[in-house]
C-alpha atoms as a PDB file:
ATOM      1  CA  MET A   1     -18.335  71.588 -17.256  1.00  0.00           C
ATOM      2  CA  PRO A   2     -22.480  71.982 -16.452  1.00  0.00           C
ATOM      3  CA  ARG A   3     -23.881  72.990 -13.294  1.00  0.00           C
ATOM      4  CA  ILE A   4     -23.980  70.443 -11.316  1.00  0.00           C
ATOM      5  CA  ARG A   5     -26.633  69.737  -8.197  1.00  0.00           C
ATOM      6  CA  LYS A   6     -27.390  66.806  -6.113  1.00  0.00           C
ATOM      7  CA  GLU A   7     -30.663  65.145  -5.860  1.00  0.00           C
ATOM      8  CA  GLN A   8     -32.615  62.009  -4.316  1.00  0.00           C
ATOM      9  CA  LEU A   9     -32.783  59.559  -7.209  1.00  0.00           C
ATOM     10  CA  SER A  10     -37.121  59.901  -8.480  1.00  0.00           C
ATOM     11  CA  ARG A  11     -39.367  59.151 -10.501  1.00  0.00           C
ATOM     12  CA  ASN A  12     -38.264  62.492 -12.824  1.00  0.00           C
ATOM     13  CA  HIS A  13     -34.916  61.135 -13.443  1.00  0.00           C
ATOM     14  CA  HIS A  14     -34.102  58.268 -16.672  1.00  0.00           C
ATOM     15  CA  ARG A  15     -32.601  56.121 -15.310  1.00  0.00           C
ATOM     16  CA  ALA A  16     -32.976  53.715 -17.791  1.00  0.00           C
ATOM     17  CA  GLY A  17     -30.106  56.229 -19.654  1.00  0.00           C
ATOM     18  CA  PHE A  18     -27.241  55.257 -17.170  1.00  0.00           C
ATOM     19  CA  ASP A  19     -24.733  53.542 -18.540  1.00  0.00           C
ATOM     20  CA  CYS A  20     -21.402  53.381 -15.872  1.00  0.00           C
ATOM     21  CA  GLY A  21     -20.582  50.408 -18.305  1.00  0.00           C
ATOM     22  CA  VAL A  22     -20.622  48.369 -15.159  1.00  0.00           C
ATOM     23  CA  GLU A  23     -23.795  46.061 -15.684  1.00  0.00           C
ATOM     24  CA  GLU A  24     -24.340  45.534 -12.000  1.00  0.00           C
ATOM     25  CA  LEU A  25     -24.210  49.409 -10.668  1.00  0.00           C
ATOM     26  CA  ASN A  26     -26.062  49.534 -13.899  1.00  0.00           C
ATOM     27  CA  THR A  27     -28.386  47.335 -12.983  1.00  0.00           C
ATOM     28  CA  PHE A  28     -29.158  48.554  -9.884  1.00  0.00           C
ATOM     29  CA  ILE A  29     -30.324  52.613 -10.527  1.00  0.00           C
ATOM     30  CA  ARG A  30     -32.185  51.051 -13.184  1.00  0.00           C
ATOM     31  CA  ASN A  31     -34.185  47.941 -12.049  1.00  0.00           C
ATOM     32  CA  THR A  32     -34.270  48.385  -7.734  1.00  0.00           C
ATOM     33  CA  ALA A  33     -32.615  51.789  -6.778  1.00  0.00           C
ATOM     34  CA  ARG A  34     -36.111  53.933  -5.942  1.00  0.00           C
ATOM     35  CA  ARG A  35     -37.775  50.989  -4.762  1.00  0.00           C
ATOM     36  CA  GLN A  36     -34.993  50.790  -2.059  1.00  0.00           C
ATOM     37  CA  ASP A  37     -35.147  53.798  -1.629  1.00  0.00           C
ATOM     38  CA  GLU A  38     -38.897  54.227  -1.198  1.00  0.00           C
ATOM     39  CA  ARG A  39     -38.596  51.290   1.560  1.00  0.00           C
ATOM     40  CA  HIS A  40     -35.981  53.277   3.405  1.00  0.00           C
ATOM     41  CA  LEU A  41     -34.109  50.733   2.782  1.00  0.00           C
ATOM     42  CA  VAL A  42     -30.966  53.060   0.500  1.00  0.00           C
ATOM     43  CA  ARG A  43     -31.197  56.109   0.087  1.00  0.00           C
ATOM     44  CA  THR A  44     -30.118  56.822  -3.505  1.00  0.00           C
ATOM     45  CA  THR A  45     -28.615  60.257  -4.601  1.00  0.00           C
ATOM     46  CA  VAL A  46     -28.026  61.813  -8.007  1.00  0.00           C
ATOM     47  CA  LEU A  47     -25.617  64.412  -9.822  1.00  0.00           C
ATOM     48  CA  VAL A  48     -27.319  65.850 -12.656  1.00  0.00           C
ATOM     49  CA  ASP A  49     -26.870  69.079 -14.553  1.00  0.00           C
ATOM     50  CA  VAL A  50     -28.809  72.119 -13.646  1.00  0.00           C
ATOM     51  CA  ASP A  51     -30.219  72.205 -16.639  1.00  0.00           C
ATOM     52  CA  HIS A  52     -31.076  69.175 -17.781  1.00  0.00           C
ATOM     53  CA  PRO A  53     -32.275  67.744 -13.878  1.00  0.00           C
ATOM     54  CA  GLU A  54     -33.600  63.923 -15.962  1.00  0.00           C
ATOM     55  CA  ARG A  55     -30.522  63.015 -16.725  1.00  0.00           C
ATOM     56  CA  ILE A  56     -28.539  61.399 -14.124  1.00  0.00           C
ATOM     57  CA  LEU A  57     -24.025  61.898 -14.402  1.00  0.00           C
ATOM     58  CA  ALA A  58     -23.615  60.325 -10.943  1.00  0.00           C
ATOM     59  CA  TYR A  59     -25.012  58.181  -8.394  1.00  0.00           C
ATOM     60  CA  TYR A  60     -24.503  56.820  -4.940  1.00  0.00           C
ATOM     61  CA  SER A  61     -26.114  55.085  -2.202  1.00  0.00           C
ATOM     62  CA  THR A  62     -25.842  55.213   0.815  1.00  0.00           C
ATOM     63  CA  ALA A  63     -27.716  53.179   4.477  1.00  0.00           C
ATOM     64  CA  PRO A  64     -27.059  53.001   7.731  1.00  0.00           C
ATOM     65  CA  CYS A  65     -24.472  49.970   9.197  1.00  0.00           C
ATOM     66  CA  GLU A  66     -22.544  49.137  11.800  1.00  0.00           C
ATOM     67  CA  ILE A  67     -19.065  48.074  11.997  1.00  0.00           C
ATOM     68  CA  ALA A  68     -16.344  46.427  14.393  1.00  0.00           C
ATOM     69  CA  PRO A  69     -14.049  49.256  16.076  1.00  0.00           C
ATOM     70  CA  PRO A  70     -11.781  50.242  13.267  1.00  0.00           C
ATOM     71  CA  PRO A  71      -8.356  48.382  14.702  1.00  0.00           C
ATOM     72  CA  GLY A  72      -5.159  51.912  15.115  1.00  0.00           C
ATOM     73  CA  VAL A  73      -9.079  53.875  15.970  1.00  0.00           C
ATOM     74  CA  ARG A  74      -7.953  55.022  19.281  1.00  0.00           C
ATOM     75  CA  ALA A  75     -11.442  56.310  20.570  1.00  0.00           C
ATOM     76  CA  TRP A  76     -12.796  52.575  19.936  1.00  0.00           C
ATOM     77  CA  ARG A  77      -9.182  50.945  20.789  1.00  0.00           C
ATOM     78  CA  ASN A  78     -11.334  49.564  24.316  1.00  0.00           C
ATOM     79  CA  ASP A  79     -15.062  49.237  22.825  1.00  0.00           C
ATOM     80  CA  PRO A  80     -15.850  45.875  22.043  1.00  0.00           C
ATOM     81  CA  HIS A  81     -19.113  46.977  20.984  1.00  0.00           C
ATOM     82  CA  PRO A  82     -19.645  48.354  16.813  1.00  0.00           C
ATOM     83  CA  VAL A  83     -19.720  51.404  15.443  1.00  0.00           C
ATOM     84  CA  PRO A  84     -22.748  53.129  13.787  1.00  0.00           C
ATOM     85  CA  PHE A  85     -21.436  53.869  10.419  1.00  0.00           C
ATOM     86  CA  LEU A  86     -22.688  55.922   7.215  1.00  0.00           C
ATOM     87  CA  ARG A  87     -22.288  52.794   4.404  1.00  0.00           C
ATOM     88  CA  MET A  88     -21.661  53.668   0.561  1.00  0.00           C
ATOM     89  CA  ALA A  89     -23.021  51.342  -1.077  1.00  0.00           C
ATOM     90  CA  ARG A  90     -22.650  52.116  -4.660  1.00  0.00           C
ATOM     91  CA  LEU A  91     -20.605  55.148  -6.742  1.00  0.00           C
ATOM     92  CA  ALA A  92     -20.792  55.300 -10.392  1.00  0.00           C
ATOM     93  CA  SER A  93     -20.784  57.914 -12.739  1.00  0.00           C
ATOM     94  CA  ASP A  94     -22.530  57.623 -16.779  1.00  0.00           C
ATOM     95  CA  LEU A  95     -19.709  57.053 -19.357  1.00  0.00           C
ATOM     96  CA  SER A  96     -20.592  60.557 -21.226  1.00  0.00           C
ATOM     97  CA  VAL A  97     -18.789  61.693 -18.315  1.00  0.00           C
ATOM     98  CA  ARG A  98     -15.953  59.910 -17.407  1.00  0.00           C
ATOM     99  CA  GLY A  99     -12.720  61.190 -16.539  1.00  0.00           C
ATOM    100  CA  ARG A 100     -14.393  64.621 -15.832  1.00  0.00           C
ATOM    101  CA  GLY A 101     -14.480  64.468 -11.985  1.00  0.00           C
ATOM    102  CA  PHE A 102     -17.768  62.995 -11.063  1.00  0.00           C
ATOM    103  CA  GLY A 103     -17.183  59.972  -9.266  1.00  0.00           C
ATOM    104  CA  GLU A 104     -15.211  62.239  -7.193  1.00  0.00           C
ATOM    105  CA  LEU A 105     -18.105  64.905  -6.799  1.00  0.00           C
ATOM    106  CA  ALA A 106     -20.351  61.905  -5.688  1.00  0.00           C
ATOM    107  CA  LEU A 107     -17.814  60.626  -2.981  1.00  0.00           C
ATOM    108  CA  LEU A 108     -17.668  64.148  -1.311  1.00  0.00           C
ATOM    109  CA  ALA A 109     -21.061  64.707  -1.705  1.00  0.00           C
ATOM    110  CA  ALA A 110     -21.415  61.493   0.451  1.00  0.00           C
ATOM    111  CA  ILE A 111     -18.961  62.675   2.743  1.00  0.00           C
ATOM    112  CA  GLU A 112     -21.061  65.735   2.770  1.00  0.00           C
ATOM    113  CA  ASP A 113     -23.853  63.892   4.332  1.00  0.00           C
ATOM    114  CA  ALA A 114     -21.875  61.494   6.932  1.00  0.00           C
ATOM    115  CA  ALA A 115     -20.575  65.468   7.950  1.00  0.00           C
ATOM    116  CA  THR A 116     -24.456  66.635   8.132  1.00  0.00           C
ATOM    117  CA  ILE A 117     -25.910  63.597  10.083  1.00  0.00           C
ATOM    118  CA  SER A 118     -23.282  63.452  12.583  1.00  0.00           C
ATOM    119  CA  ARG A 119     -23.993  67.034  13.181  1.00  0.00           C
ATOM    120  CA  GLY A 120     -27.516  67.383  13.805  1.00  0.00           C
ATOM    121  CA  PHE A 121     -29.229  63.988  13.948  1.00  0.00           C
ATOM    122  CA  THR A 122     -27.067  61.278  14.965  1.00  0.00           C
ATOM    123  CA  ALA A 123     -23.335  60.231  16.114  1.00  0.00           C
ATOM    124  CA  ILE A 124     -21.447  57.463  13.087  1.00  0.00           C
ATOM    125  CA  GLY A 125     -17.973  57.173  13.220  1.00  0.00           C
ATOM    126  CA  GLY A 126     -17.963  58.377   9.638  1.00  0.00           C
ATOM    127  CA  LEU A 127     -18.461  56.630   6.313  1.00  0.00           C
ATOM    128  CA  VAL A 128     -16.572  53.094   5.520  1.00  0.00           C
ATOM    129  CA  VAL A 129     -16.991  52.048   2.049  1.00  0.00           C
ATOM    130  CA  ASP A 130     -16.260  48.363   0.057  1.00  0.00           C
ATOM    131  CA  ALA A 131     -13.800  48.714  -3.158  1.00  0.00           C
ATOM    132  CA  LYS A 132     -14.661  46.328  -5.749  1.00  0.00           C
ATOM    133  CA  ASP A 133     -10.950  45.729  -6.101  1.00  0.00           C
ATOM    134  CA  GLN A 134      -7.860  47.152  -5.630  1.00  0.00           C
ATOM    135  CA  HIS A 135      -8.074  49.877  -8.432  1.00  0.00           C
ATOM    136  CA  ALA A 136     -11.387  51.637  -6.527  1.00  0.00           C
ATOM    137  CA  ALA A 137      -9.410  50.975  -3.570  1.00  0.00           C
ATOM    138  CA  VAL A 138      -7.183  53.834  -4.590  1.00  0.00           C
ATOM    139  CA  PHE A 139      -9.587  55.781  -5.484  1.00  0.00           C
ATOM    140  CA  TYR A 140     -10.647  56.374  -2.131  1.00  0.00           C
ATOM    141  CA  GLU A 141      -7.347  56.071   0.073  1.00  0.00           C
ATOM    142  CA  ARG A 142      -6.284  59.080  -2.083  1.00  0.00           C
ATOM    143  CA  PHE A 143      -9.499  61.029  -0.684  1.00  0.00           C
ATOM    144  CA  GLY A 144      -7.782  60.246   2.922  1.00  0.00           C
ATOM    145  CA  PHE A 145      -9.856  56.766   3.461  1.00  0.00           C
ATOM    146  CA  VAL A 146      -8.192  53.566   5.366  1.00  0.00           C
ATOM    147  CA  ARG A 147      -8.013  50.703   5.417  1.00  0.00           C
ATOM    148  CA  ILE A 148      -9.606  48.738   7.598  1.00  0.00           C
ATOM    149  CA  GLU A 149      -7.781  45.773   7.230  1.00  0.00           C
ATOM    150  CA  LYS A 150      -3.898  45.846   5.506  1.00  0.00           C
ATOM    151  CA  ALA A 151      -4.830  44.936   1.729  1.00  0.00           C
ATOM    152  CA  GLY A 152      -8.729  44.653   2.073  1.00  0.00           C
ATOM    153  CA  LEU A 153     -10.964  45.814  -0.318  1.00  0.00           C
ATOM    154  CA  GLN A 154     -13.289  47.036   3.105  1.00  0.00           C
ATOM    155  CA  LEU A 155     -12.235  51.375   4.062  1.00  0.00           C
ATOM    156  CA  PHE A 156     -12.969  54.114   5.940  1.00  0.00           C
ATOM    157  CA  MET A 157     -13.086  57.224   6.643  1.00  0.00           C
ATOM    158  CA  PRO A 158     -13.610  58.817  10.655  1.00  0.00           C
ATOM    159  CA  ILE A 159     -16.155  61.576  10.554  1.00  0.00           C
ATOM    160  CA  GLN A 160     -13.454  63.218  12.225  1.00  0.00           C
ATOM    161  CA  ASP A 161     -12.048  63.422   8.804  1.00  0.00           C
ATOM    162  CA  CYS A 162     -15.929  64.249   7.216  1.00  0.00           C
ATOM    163  CA  VAL A 163     -16.252  67.261   8.428  1.00  0.00           C
ATOM    164  CA  SER A 164     -12.871  68.525   8.620  1.00  0.00           C
ATOM    165  CA  LEU A 165     -13.011  68.131   4.861  1.00  0.00           C
ATOM    166  CA  MET A 166     -15.986  69.538   4.794  1.00  0.00           C
ATOM    167  CA  ASP A 167     -15.257  72.568   6.432  1.00  0.00           C
ATOM    168  CA  GLU A 168     -12.416  72.969   4.660  1.00  0.00           C
ATOM    169  CA  PRO A 169     -12.722  77.071   2.540  1.00  0.00           C
ATOM    170  CA  GLY A 170     -13.962  75.735  -1.002  1.00  0.00           C
ATOM    171  CA  ALA A 171     -15.362  72.385   0.132  1.00  0.00           C
END
């Protein structure tokens, strides 16, 4: 397995060579991500091989958002106001590394970002994702994400779980 590091998307990354097999995600990283990053609309982070830092192995995009207080969370039960979250808008890994855990590494990096934001910058409720389908929702549930609605595709991880996960030895 190559030595991996995460970086903010830049001109130095070879976006045209990225292919995750989903044209919408390929188009985003190739044509839209850097422009949205420059406008401070979405932050796109890439995972790269330290020895070949121009090649994108996986990426995720995040943006701030607010959502209605998720049901079942005691801390927000009587709060009528939307709760600030970090939204992971996109997650993809290149076909060349499919099945090697890069999607998981990208997700853990996004969880780490949420924990870092909460610790040092601003209070947030956690990390929220909109799964593209039920298969993707199950992927997020394996990491401790909770569906906001029983069969829905929007899931969240409370910030205390993000922080705890990052505080675990070996994280």
